[in-house]
Amino acid sequence: EVMSRCFGLTLGHARLPGVPKDFDLVSIDGSTIGDAKYFTLVAGERLPPAKFSVIAEHVWLLEKIPAKRRFLVFGNQRDVPVQWLKRYGHMVQGIEFYFLSDDGELERLNG
């Protein structure tokens, strides 16, 4: 709901032709595509290398899709996407990162 309001579009779960993954947030015309992730730090304090790999996988997939807007929205612990962006953000092209807090506040993390 929050991302739909943010972009002024109806977003829903969908699979795109030729892409072997179901995405959480896709506009009806396919011009906007995103996925939601809910990650935590390991033991609440250490960087999660396995989850960093999952983020990289999703960035890679999104970069291959010819959509006008591509994004990831994260919940739970803001530090996970922030630390990923500190390490790898300079390599990301055209993918928006957002954090959605428990109280519904949406924050753009890059760009």
N, C-alpha and C. Protein backbone atom coordinates (compact mmCIF):
# COMPACT_ATOMS: atom_id res chain seq x y z
N GLU A 1 0.81 -1.20 0.00
CA GLU A 1 0.00 0.00 0.00
C GLU A 1 0.85 1.26 0.00
N VAL A 2 1.89 1.27 0.84
CA VAL A 2 2.73 2.46 0.95
C VAL A 2 3.42 2.76 -0.38
N MET A 3 3.98 1.74 -1.02
CA MET A 3 4.67 1.96 -2.29
C MET A 3 3.69 2.34 -3.39
N SER A 4 2.50 1.78 -3.38
CA SER A 4 1.48 2.16 -4.35
C SER A 4 1.13 3.63 -4.21
N ARG A 5 0.96 4.09 -2.97
CA ARG A 5 0.67 5.51 -2.73
C ARG A 5 1.84 6.39 -3.14
N CYS A 6 3.06 5.96 -2.81
CA CYS A 6 4.26 6.73 -3.13
C CYS A 6 4.38 6.98 -4.63
N PHE A 7 4.13 5.96 -5.43
CA PHE A 7 4.28 6.07 -6.87
C PHE A 7 2.98 6.44 -7.59
N GLY A 8 1.87 6.43 -6.88
CA GLY A 8 0.59 6.73 -7.50
C GLY A 8 0.15 5.66 -8.47
N LEU A 9 0.49 4.41 -8.17
CA LEU A 9 0.17 3.27 -9.03
C LEU A 9 -0.38 2.12 -8.20
N THR A 10 -1.13 1.25 -8.85
CA THR A 10 -1.51 0.00 -8.21
C THR A 10 -0.38 -0.99 -8.44
N LEU A 11 0.18 -1.51 -7.36
CA LEU A 11 1.27 -2.48 -7.44
C LEU A 11 0.82 -3.79 -6.85
N GLY A 12 1.15 -4.87 -7.50
CA GLY A 12 0.77 -6.19 -7.00
C GLY A 12 1.79 -7.23 -7.39
N HIS A 13 1.60 -8.41 -6.86
CA HIS A 13 2.47 -9.56 -7.08
C HIS A 13 2.35 -10.02 -8.54
N ALA A 14 3.50 -10.24 -9.20
CA ALA A 14 3.45 -10.70 -10.60
C ALA A 14 4.77 -11.33 -11.01
N ARG A 15 4.69 -12.14 -12.05
CA ARG A 15 5.87 -12.71 -12.70
C ARG A 15 5.94 -12.11 -14.10
N LEU A 16 7.13 -11.71 -14.48
CA LEU A 16 7.33 -11.09 -15.79
C LEU A 16 7.74 -12.14 -16.81
N PRO A 17 7.33 -11.97 -18.04
CA PRO A 17 7.71 -12.93 -19.09
C PRO A 17 9.24 -13.01 -19.22
N GLY A 18 9.76 -14.22 -19.21
CA GLY A 18 11.18 -14.44 -19.39
C GLY A 18 12.03 -14.25 -18.14
N VAL A 19 11.42 -13.89 -17.02
CA VAL A 19 12.16 -13.69 -15.77
C VAL A 19 11.67 -14.73 -14.75
N PRO A 20 12.54 -15.65 -14.35
CA PRO A 20 12.11 -16.75 -13.46
C PRO A 20 12.04 -16.33 -11.99
N LYS A 21 11.27 -15.29 -11.70
CA LYS A 21 11.10 -14.82 -10.33
C LYS A 21 9.77 -14.10 -10.20
N ASP A 22 9.09 -14.34 -9.10
CA ASP A 22 7.88 -13.59 -8.78
C ASP A 22 8.30 -12.32 -8.03
N PHE A 23 7.82 -11.17 -8.49
CA PHE A 23 8.12 -9.91 -7.83
C PHE A 23 6.92 -9.48 -6.99
N ASP A 24 7.20 -8.83 -5.87
CA ASP A 24 6.16 -8.42 -4.93
C ASP A 24 5.36 -7.21 -5.41
N LEU A 25 6.00 -6.32 -6.14
CA LEU A 25 5.40 -5.02 -6.44
C LEU A 25 5.59 -4.67 -7.91
N VAL A 26 4.58 -4.95 -8.71
CA VAL A 26 4.64 -4.71 -10.15
C VAL A 26 3.40 -3.93 -10.57
N SER A 27 3.63 -2.87 -11.37
CA SER A 27 2.49 -2.10 -11.88
C SER A 27 1.80 -2.90 -12.98
N ILE A 28 0.57 -2.55 -13.26
CA ILE A 28 -0.23 -3.27 -14.25
C ILE A 28 0.44 -3.26 -15.63
N ASP A 29 1.06 -2.13 -15.99
CA ASP A 29 1.70 -2.04 -17.31
C ASP A 29 3.16 -2.50 -17.30
N GLY A 30 3.68 -2.90 -16.13
CA GLY A 30 5.06 -3.39 -16.03
C GLY A 30 6.12 -2.30 -16.06
N SER A 31 5.70 -1.04 -15.98
CA SER A 31 6.68 0.05 -16.02
C SER A 31 7.39 0.26 -14.68
N THR A 32 6.80 -0.24 -13.61
CA THR A 32 7.39 -0.13 -12.27
C THR A 32 7.45 -1.52 -11.66
N ILE A 33 8.65 -1.89 -11.21
CA ILE A 33 8.86 -3.24 -10.68
C ILE A 33 9.72 -3.14 -9.43
N GLY A 34 9.28 -3.81 -8.38
CA GLY A 34 10.07 -3.81 -7.15
C GLY A 34 9.85 -5.07 -6.35
N ASP A 35 10.64 -5.17 -5.30
CA ASP A 35 10.54 -6.31 -4.41
C ASP A 35 10.71 -5.82 -2.98
N ALA A 36 10.07 -6.50 -2.05
CA ALA A 36 10.16 -6.15 -0.64
C ALA A 36 11.02 -7.17 0.09
N LYS A 37 11.89 -6.68 0.97
CA LYS A 37 12.78 -7.52 1.76
C LYS A 37 12.68 -7.11 3.22
N TYR A 38 12.75 -8.11 4.09
CA TYR A 38 12.63 -7.88 5.53
C TYR A 38 13.80 -8.59 6.20
N PHE A 39 14.93 -7.88 6.33
CA PHE A 39 16.16 -8.49 6.82
C PHE A 39 16.56 -7.95 8.18
N THR A 40 17.37 -8.75 8.89
CA THR A 40 17.93 -8.34 10.17
C THR A 40 19.44 -8.58 10.16
N LEU A 41 20.13 -7.89 11.04
CA LEU A 41 21.54 -8.16 11.25
C LEU A 41 21.68 -9.50 11.96
N VAL A 42 22.81 -10.16 11.79
CA VAL A 42 23.05 -11.43 12.46
C VAL A 42 23.20 -11.16 13.95
N ALA A 43 22.42 -11.86 14.75
CA ALA A 43 22.41 -11.67 16.20
C ALA A 43 22.16 -10.21 16.57
N GLY A 44 21.49 -9.50 15.67
CA GLY A 44 21.13 -8.12 15.93
C GLY A 44 22.26 -7.12 15.82
N GLU A 45 23.47 -7.58 15.44
CA GLU A 45 24.59 -6.64 15.43
C GLU A 45 25.63 -6.85 14.32
N ARG A 46 25.71 -8.02 13.73
CA ARG A 46 26.73 -8.28 12.71
C ARG A 46 26.14 -8.22 11.31
N LEU A 47 26.98 -7.83 10.35
CA LEU A 47 26.53 -7.77 8.96
C LEU A 47 26.17 -9.17 8.47
N PRO A 48 25.10 -9.27 7.70
CA PRO A 48 24.60 -10.57 7.23
C PRO A 48 25.10 -10.90 5.82
N PRO A 49 26.26 -11.57 5.68
CA PRO A 49 26.80 -11.81 4.34
C PRO A 49 25.85 -12.58 3.42
N ALA A 50 25.12 -13.54 3.92
CA ALA A 50 24.20 -14.29 3.07
C ALA A 50 23.07 -13.39 2.58
N LYS A 51 22.60 -12.51 3.42
CA LYS A 51 21.54 -11.58 3.01
C LYS A 51 22.07 -10.54 2.04
N PHE A 52 23.33 -10.16 2.19
CA PHE A 52 23.95 -9.25 1.23
C PHE A 52 23.95 -9.88 -0.16
N SER A 53 24.19 -11.19 -0.23
CA SER A 53 24.16 -11.89 -1.52
C SER A 53 22.76 -11.87 -2.12
N VAL A 54 21.75 -12.02 -1.28
CA VAL A 54 20.36 -11.98 -1.77
C VAL A 54 20.04 -10.59 -2.32
N ILE A 55 20.50 -9.54 -1.65
CA ILE A 55 20.28 -8.18 -2.15
C ILE A 55 20.95 -8.03 -3.52
N ALA A 56 22.20 -8.49 -3.63
CA ALA A 56 22.92 -8.39 -4.90
C ALA A 56 22.19 -9.15 -6.01
N GLU A 57 21.64 -10.31 -5.69
CA GLU A 57 20.88 -11.08 -6.67
C GLU A 57 19.68 -10.30 -7.18
N HIS A 58 18.96 -9.66 -6.27
CA HIS A 58 17.77 -8.89 -6.66
C HIS A 58 18.15 -7.65 -7.46
N VAL A 59 19.23 -6.99 -7.07
CA VAL A 59 19.70 -5.84 -7.84
C VAL A 59 20.04 -6.28 -9.26
N TRP A 60 20.76 -7.37 -9.39
CA TRP A 60 21.15 -7.89 -10.70
C TRP A 60 19.91 -8.19 -11.55
N LEU A 61 18.93 -8.88 -10.98
CA LEU A 61 17.71 -9.19 -11.72
C LEU A 61 16.99 -7.91 -12.15
N LEU A 62 16.84 -6.98 -11.24
CA LEU A 62 16.14 -5.74 -11.57
C LEU A 62 16.87 -4.95 -12.64
N GLU A 63 18.20 -4.97 -12.61
CA GLU A 63 18.96 -4.24 -13.63
C GLU A 63 18.75 -4.82 -15.03
N LYS A 64 18.35 -6.06 -15.13
CA LYS A 64 18.14 -6.71 -16.42
C LYS A 64 16.74 -6.47 -16.99
N ILE A 65 15.87 -5.91 -16.20
CA ILE A 65 14.47 -5.72 -16.60
C ILE A 65 14.28 -4.31 -17.16
N PRO A 66 13.73 -4.19 -18.37
CA PRO A 66 13.54 -2.87 -18.98
C PRO A 66 12.28 -2.17 -18.48
N ALA A 67 12.33 -1.71 -17.24
CA ALA A 67 11.21 -0.97 -16.66
C ALA A 67 11.66 0.47 -16.41
N LYS A 68 10.71 1.39 -16.38
CA LYS A 68 11.03 2.80 -16.11
C LYS A 68 11.53 2.98 -14.68
N ARG A 69 10.90 2.27 -13.75
CA ARG A 69 11.26 2.40 -12.34
C ARG A 69 11.46 1.02 -11.76
N ARG A 70 12.62 0.83 -11.10
CA ARG A 70 12.95 -0.45 -10.46
C ARG A 70 13.41 -0.14 -9.04
N PHE A 71 12.92 -0.92 -8.08
CA PHE A 71 13.23 -0.57 -6.69
C PHE A 71 13.21 -1.79 -5.77
N LEU A 72 13.86 -1.61 -4.63
CA LEU A 72 13.77 -2.54 -3.50
C LEU A 72 13.32 -1.74 -2.31
N VAL A 73 12.41 -2.30 -1.54
CA VAL A 73 11.97 -1.66 -0.30
C VAL A 73 12.26 -2.64 0.84
N PHE A 74 12.89 -2.13 1.88
CA PHE A 74 13.31 -2.95 3.01
C PHE A 74 12.52 -2.58 4.26
N GLY A 75 12.31 -3.57 5.09
CA GLY A 75 11.70 -3.37 6.40
C GLY A 75 12.59 -3.97 7.46
N ASN A 76 12.21 -3.81 8.68
CA ASN A 76 12.86 -4.37 9.86
C ASN A 76 14.06 -3.56 10.31
N GLN A 77 15.27 -3.87 9.82
CA GLN A 77 16.46 -3.16 10.28
C GLN A 77 17.08 -2.34 9.15
N ARG A 78 17.05 -1.04 9.31
CA ARG A 78 17.54 -0.10 8.31
C ARG A 78 19.03 -0.32 8.02
N ASP A 79 19.78 -0.77 9.02
CA ASP A 79 21.23 -0.96 8.86
C ASP A 79 21.59 -1.94 7.75
N VAL A 80 20.74 -2.92 7.48
CA VAL A 80 21.08 -3.91 6.46
C VAL A 80 21.20 -3.27 5.08
N PRO A 81 20.17 -2.59 4.57
CA PRO A 81 20.35 -1.97 3.25
C PRO A 81 21.35 -0.81 3.27
N VAL A 82 21.44 -0.08 4.37
CA VAL A 82 22.39 1.02 4.45
C VAL A 82 23.82 0.51 4.35
N GLN A 83 24.13 -0.56 5.07
CA GLN A 83 25.48 -1.13 5.00
C GLN A 83 25.76 -1.74 3.62
N TRP A 84 24.75 -2.35 3.01
CA TRP A 84 24.93 -2.90 1.66
C TRP A 84 25.27 -1.76 0.69
N LEU A 85 24.51 -0.68 0.78
CA LEU A 85 24.76 0.46 -0.10
C LEU A 85 26.15 1.08 0.13
N LYS A 86 26.62 1.09 1.38
CA LYS A 86 27.96 1.62 1.66
C LYS A 86 29.02 0.80 0.94
N ARG A 87 28.82 -0.51 0.88
CA ARG A 87 29.80 -1.40 0.24
C ARG A 87 29.65 -1.46 -1.27
N TYR A 88 28.41 -1.56 -1.73
CA TYR A 88 28.17 -1.88 -3.14
C TYR A 88 27.35 -0.84 -3.90
N GLY A 89 26.88 0.17 -3.23
CA GLY A 89 25.99 1.14 -3.85
C GLY A 89 26.57 1.83 -5.06
N HIS A 90 27.87 2.02 -5.09
CA HIS A 90 28.51 2.68 -6.24
C HIS A 90 28.40 1.84 -7.51
N MET A 91 28.04 0.57 -7.37
CA MET A 91 27.92 -0.32 -8.52
C MET A 91 26.49 -0.45 -9.03
N VAL A 92 25.54 0.10 -8.29
CA VAL A 92 24.13 -0.03 -8.62
C VAL A 92 23.73 1.04 -9.63
N GLN A 93 23.02 0.62 -10.68
CA GLN A 93 22.56 1.56 -11.68
C GLN A 93 21.05 1.46 -11.86
N GLY A 94 20.35 2.52 -11.52
CA GLY A 94 18.93 2.61 -11.80
C GLY A 94 18.01 1.84 -10.87
N ILE A 95 18.51 1.43 -9.71
CA ILE A 95 17.65 0.73 -8.73
C ILE A 95 17.50 1.63 -7.52
N GLU A 96 16.27 1.95 -7.17
CA GLU A 96 16.00 2.78 -6.00
C GLU A 96 15.91 1.88 -4.76
N PHE A 97 16.50 2.33 -3.66
CA PHE A 97 16.43 1.62 -2.38
C PHE A 97 15.59 2.46 -1.43
N TYR A 98 14.64 1.82 -0.76
CA TYR A 98 13.80 2.48 0.23
C TYR A 98 13.81 1.69 1.52
N PHE A 99 13.54 2.39 2.62
CA PHE A 99 13.32 1.73 3.91
C PHE A 99 11.95 2.15 4.41
N LEU A 100 11.15 1.15 4.80
CA LEU A 100 9.83 1.38 5.36
C LEU A 100 9.87 1.03 6.84
N SER A 101 9.73 2.05 7.69
CA SER A 101 9.79 1.82 9.14
C SER A 101 8.51 1.17 9.64
N ASP A 102 8.56 0.67 10.85
CA ASP A 102 7.40 0.02 11.45
C ASP A 102 6.21 0.97 11.58
N ASP A 103 6.48 2.27 11.67
CA ASP A 103 5.38 3.23 11.80
C ASP A 103 4.89 3.76 10.44
N GLY A 104 5.37 3.13 9.34
CA GLY A 104 4.87 3.47 8.01
C GLY A 104 5.59 4.59 7.30
N GLU A 105 6.69 5.10 7.87
CA GLU A 105 7.46 6.15 7.23
C GLU A 105 8.36 5.56 6.15
N LEU A 106 8.31 6.13 4.96
CA LEU A 106 9.10 5.66 3.84
C LEU A 106 10.27 6.61 3.63
N GLU A 107 11.48 6.04 3.51
CA GLU A 107 12.69 6.83 3.34
C GLU A 107 13.47 6.31 2.13
N ARG A 108 13.84 7.20 1.24
CA ARG A 108 14.71 6.84 0.11
C ARG A 108 16.13 6.76 0.64
N LEU A 109 16.83 5.67 0.35
CA LEU A 109 18.17 5.47 0.87
C LEU A 109 19.28 5.80 -0.11
N ASN A 110 18.99 5.87 -1.38
CA ASN A 110 20.02 6.19 -2.37
C ASN A 110 19.46 7.17 -3.40
N GLY A 111 20.36 7.75 -4.19
CA GLY A 111 19.93 8.63 -5.28
C GLY A 111 19.48 9.99 -4.86
